[in-house]
Protein backbone atom coordinates (compact mmCIF):
# COMPACT_ATOMS: atom_id res chain seq x y z
CA THR A 1 201.43 17.38 -50.98
CA GLU A 2 200.85 20.99 -49.90
CA ILE A 3 203.32 20.29 -46.99
CA ALA A 4 205.92 18.88 -49.36
CA ASP A 5 205.56 21.98 -51.64
CA SER A 6 205.57 24.36 -48.67
CA LEU A 7 208.71 22.60 -47.18
CA SER A 8 210.23 22.40 -50.56
CA TYR A 9 209.89 26.35 -51.07
CA ARG A 10 211.65 27.09 -47.93
CA LEU A 11 214.63 24.86 -48.95
CA GLU A 12 214.88 25.62 -52.51
CA SER A 13 213.59 28.89 -53.09
CA ALA A 14 213.32 31.56 -50.19
CA SER A 15 214.07 31.34 -46.87
CA HIS A 16 212.17 33.17 -43.78
CA SER A 17 211.91 36.75 -44.02
CA GLY A 18 214.63 37.54 -41.60
CA SER A 19 217.33 35.71 -43.50
CA VAL A 20 220.69 37.07 -44.72
CA ASP A 21 219.09 36.67 -47.84
CA PRO A 22 215.55 35.88 -48.40
CA SER A 23 215.66 35.11 -52.04
CA LYS A 24 217.50 31.99 -51.29
CA GLY A 25 216.37 28.94 -49.77
CA ILE A 26 217.80 27.06 -46.83
CA MET A 27 219.81 24.63 -48.96
CA SER A 28 221.58 27.36 -50.63
CA LEU A 29 222.25 29.66 -47.63
CA ASN A 30 223.47 26.70 -45.72
CA THR A 31 226.12 25.55 -48.21
CA GLU A 32 227.28 28.99 -49.14
CA TYR A 33 227.88 29.88 -45.55
CA PHE A 34 228.87 26.40 -44.14
CA GLY A 35 230.06 24.33 -46.89
CA SER A 36 229.04 21.35 -49.13
CA ILE A 37 227.05 18.38 -48.00
CA PRO A 38 228.56 14.84 -48.27
CA ASP A 39 227.16 12.92 -51.06
CA ILE A 40 227.62 9.28 -49.70
CA ASP A 41 225.02 7.58 -51.89
CA GLY A 42 225.96 9.46 -55.01
CA ASP A 43 222.52 10.92 -56.13
CA GLY A 44 223.20 14.59 -55.18
CA ILE A 45 220.18 14.70 -53.16
CA LEU A 46 219.45 15.41 -49.55
CA ASP A 47 216.97 13.06 -48.21
CA ILE A 48 214.47 14.06 -45.35
CA LEU A 49 212.49 11.38 -43.54
CA LEU A 50 209.37 13.04 -41.95
CA LEU A 51 208.23 10.73 -39.26
CA ASP A 52 207.06 10.60 -35.43
CA ILE A 53 210.39 10.13 -33.46
CA GLU A 54 209.51 8.34 -30.57
CA ASP A 55 210.58 10.72 -27.62
CA ASN A 56 207.67 10.29 -25.15
CA PHE A 57 206.22 13.58 -26.00
CA SER A 58 202.99 12.70 -24.67
CA GLU A 59 204.17 11.75 -21.33
CA THR A 60 207.12 14.15 -20.67
CA GLY A 61 206.19 17.25 -23.01
CA GLY A 62 209.93 17.08 -24.15
CA PHE A 63 210.51 16.10 -27.90
CA VAL A 64 213.26 15.62 -30.33
CA ALA A 65 212.34 17.88 -33.37
CA GLY A 66 214.93 16.39 -35.53
CA PHE A 67 218.06 14.64 -35.88
CA PHE A 68 221.04 13.77 -38.08
CA ASP A 69 222.82 10.45 -37.63
CA PRO A 70 226.41 10.42 -39.01
CA VAL A 71 226.25 6.63 -38.91
CA ASP A 72 224.47 6.88 -42.15
CA LEU A 73 227.46 8.24 -44.07
CA ILE A 74 229.17 5.32 -43.18
CA GLU A 75 229.07 1.43 -44.24
CA HIS A 76 227.76 0.03 -40.82
CA GLU A 77 224.51 -2.43 -40.11
CA PHE A 78 222.64 0.32 -38.76
CA SER A 79 223.47 2.78 -41.56
CA ASN A 80 221.10 4.00 -44.27
CA GLN A 81 223.95 4.94 -46.53
CA ARG A 82 222.52 7.94 -47.47
CA ASP A 83 222.72 11.84 -46.88
CA LEU A 84 219.49 11.90 -44.64
CA LEU A 85 217.88 14.16 -42.11
CA TYR A 86 215.12 12.77 -39.85
CA ILE A 87 212.49 15.50 -38.89
CA ASP A 88 209.75 14.76 -36.53
CA LEU A 89 206.08 15.18 -37.57
CA TYR A 90 204.63 15.41 -33.90
CA PRO A 91 204.66 17.59 -32.40
CA THR A 92 207.16 19.73 -34.68
CA LEU A 93 204.97 19.64 -37.71
CA PHE A 94 201.69 18.63 -36.58
CA TYR A 95 200.41 19.90 -32.90
CA ARG A 96 196.97 20.46 -31.81
CA GLY A 97 195.46 20.16 -35.22
CA GLU A 98 197.84 23.04 -36.73
CA THR A 99 200.72 22.37 -39.23
CA ASN A 100 203.80 24.48 -38.27
CA ILE A 101 205.87 24.49 -41.45
CA LYS A 102 208.18 27.28 -39.74
CA ARG A 103 209.24 25.05 -36.97
CA ALA A 104 210.00 22.30 -39.42
CA ALA A 105 211.94 24.56 -41.69
CA SER A 106 214.10 25.83 -38.59
CA THR A 107 214.95 22.51 -37.56
CA ILE A 108 215.86 21.43 -41.06
CA ALA A 109 217.99 24.44 -40.97
CA HIS A 110 219.63 23.19 -38.00
CA GLU A 111 220.23 19.70 -39.02
CA PHE A 112 221.44 20.67 -42.55
CA GLN A 113 224.21 22.39 -40.75
CA HIS A 114 225.16 19.09 -38.90
CA ILE A 115 225.31 16.99 -42.05
CA ILE A 116 227.36 19.87 -43.46
CA HIS A 117 229.85 19.71 -40.70
CA ALA A 118 229.84 16.11 -40.71
CA ASN A 119 231.51 16.50 -44.24
CA TYR A 120 234.43 18.32 -42.81
CA GLU A 121 234.89 16.55 -39.36
CA THR A 122 238.34 15.38 -38.70
CA PRO A 123 239.59 12.19 -36.83
CA GLU A 124 239.91 14.36 -33.80
CA ARG A 125 236.11 15.32 -33.25
CA GLN A 126 235.35 18.53 -32.22
CA TYR A 127 233.72 20.15 -29.39
CA THR A 128 229.88 19.39 -29.57
CA PHE A 129 229.35 23.02 -28.26
CA ILE A 130 231.10 24.22 -31.67
CA ASN A 131 228.94 22.05 -33.95
CA GLU A 132 225.64 22.53 -31.95
CA GLY A 133 226.32 26.38 -31.81
CA LEU A 134 226.87 26.84 -35.41
CA SER A 135 223.72 24.94 -35.91
CA GLU A 136 221.85 27.40 -33.71
CA TYR A 137 223.34 29.97 -35.74
CA ALA A 138 222.15 28.16 -38.96
CA GLU A 139 218.37 28.90 -37.64
CA VAL A 140 219.17 32.34 -36.97
CA LEU A 141 221.10 32.86 -40.39
CA ASN A 142 217.81 31.47 -42.00
CA GLY A 143 215.72 34.12 -40.24
CA PHE A 144 214.49 32.03 -37.58
CA SER A 145 214.57 33.39 -33.91
CA PRO A 146 217.45 32.55 -31.72
CA ARG A 147 216.61 30.06 -29.18
CA SER A 148 215.55 31.49 -25.62
CA PRO A 149 218.31 32.39 -23.40
CA ALA A 150 216.28 31.63 -20.29
CA SER A 151 217.59 28.20 -19.56
CA TYR A 152 220.97 29.34 -19.84
CA TYR A 153 220.23 32.41 -17.60
CA GLN A 154 219.22 30.04 -15.04
CA GLN A 155 222.06 27.53 -15.11
CA PRO A 156 225.02 30.30 -16.30
CA ASN A 157 227.95 28.14 -14.47
CA ARG A 158 228.98 26.12 -17.49
CA ALA A 159 232.34 26.15 -19.13
CA LEU A 160 232.32 27.91 -22.61
CA PHE A 161 232.99 24.55 -24.47
CA SER A 162 231.31 21.94 -22.17
CA TRP A 163 228.42 19.99 -23.04
CA ASP A 164 225.88 18.35 -20.63
CA TYR A 165 224.24 15.56 -22.49
CA THR A 166 221.78 14.68 -19.76
CA ASP A 167 220.66 18.38 -19.73
CA PRO A 168 221.49 19.90 -22.83
CA ILE A 169 218.75 22.65 -23.24
CA PRO A 170 221.08 25.14 -21.50
CA ASP A 171 223.78 24.60 -23.70
CA TYR A 172 221.79 24.96 -26.63
CA ALA A 173 220.80 28.40 -25.46
CA ARG A 174 224.40 29.18 -24.72
CA GLY A 175 225.56 28.14 -28.14
CA SER A 176 222.92 30.34 -29.67
CA LEU A 177 223.81 33.24 -27.68
CA PHE A 178 227.45 32.84 -28.29
CA PHE A 179 227.29 32.20 -32.01
CA THR A 180 224.81 34.58 -33.04
CA TYR A 181 226.96 37.41 -30.91
CA LEU A 182 230.23 35.95 -32.66
CA PHE A 183 228.73 36.52 -36.07
CA GLU A 184 227.12 39.64 -35.30
CA GLN A 185 230.80 40.74 -34.50
CA ILE A 186 232.92 39.41 -37.24
CA GLY A 187 230.36 38.86 -39.74
CA SER A 188 228.61 35.67 -41.24
CA ASP A 189 230.84 35.52 -44.35
CA LYS A 190 233.41 34.26 -41.73
CA ILE A 191 231.56 31.09 -40.87
CA LYS A 192 233.60 28.90 -43.08
């Protein structure tokens, strides 16, 4: 229950100290700046499933910290039909005998923007770069450090709105750089 209480506190009561308003939780900040979440199941609650996402971390060192699956918002045989985020237990939350609430909360801020974004998605899908860039900025908005730009600096010859699904880490870094810079220039209140 200590982990659930710590995550709940970050979600509902206080975001990280460097956020735009540390007195508000991640849920309040994300809905204030990005919009409302869908309520497909009608319960008014965002569900978060903590699980060990199968990502071959032990073999590769790469991992999926969390995700949102838009299929959960529609009637489909593989849908959970609920407003649901999936957050990784290992190594996101637990690694080498330590519990990392900060990393899990940062991932929740990121994935929470995706579920909000899905609530406003149009039939003509938007660029992945925009959705991921906004999720990267959601982490910054909530007081977490921006992603290191190193991977993008090593591969800078990518079109601004492109997304490489086979090697996305430089694109995440590019999205973090671009949207952090953009909202530093025009203000976070312009996100919506």
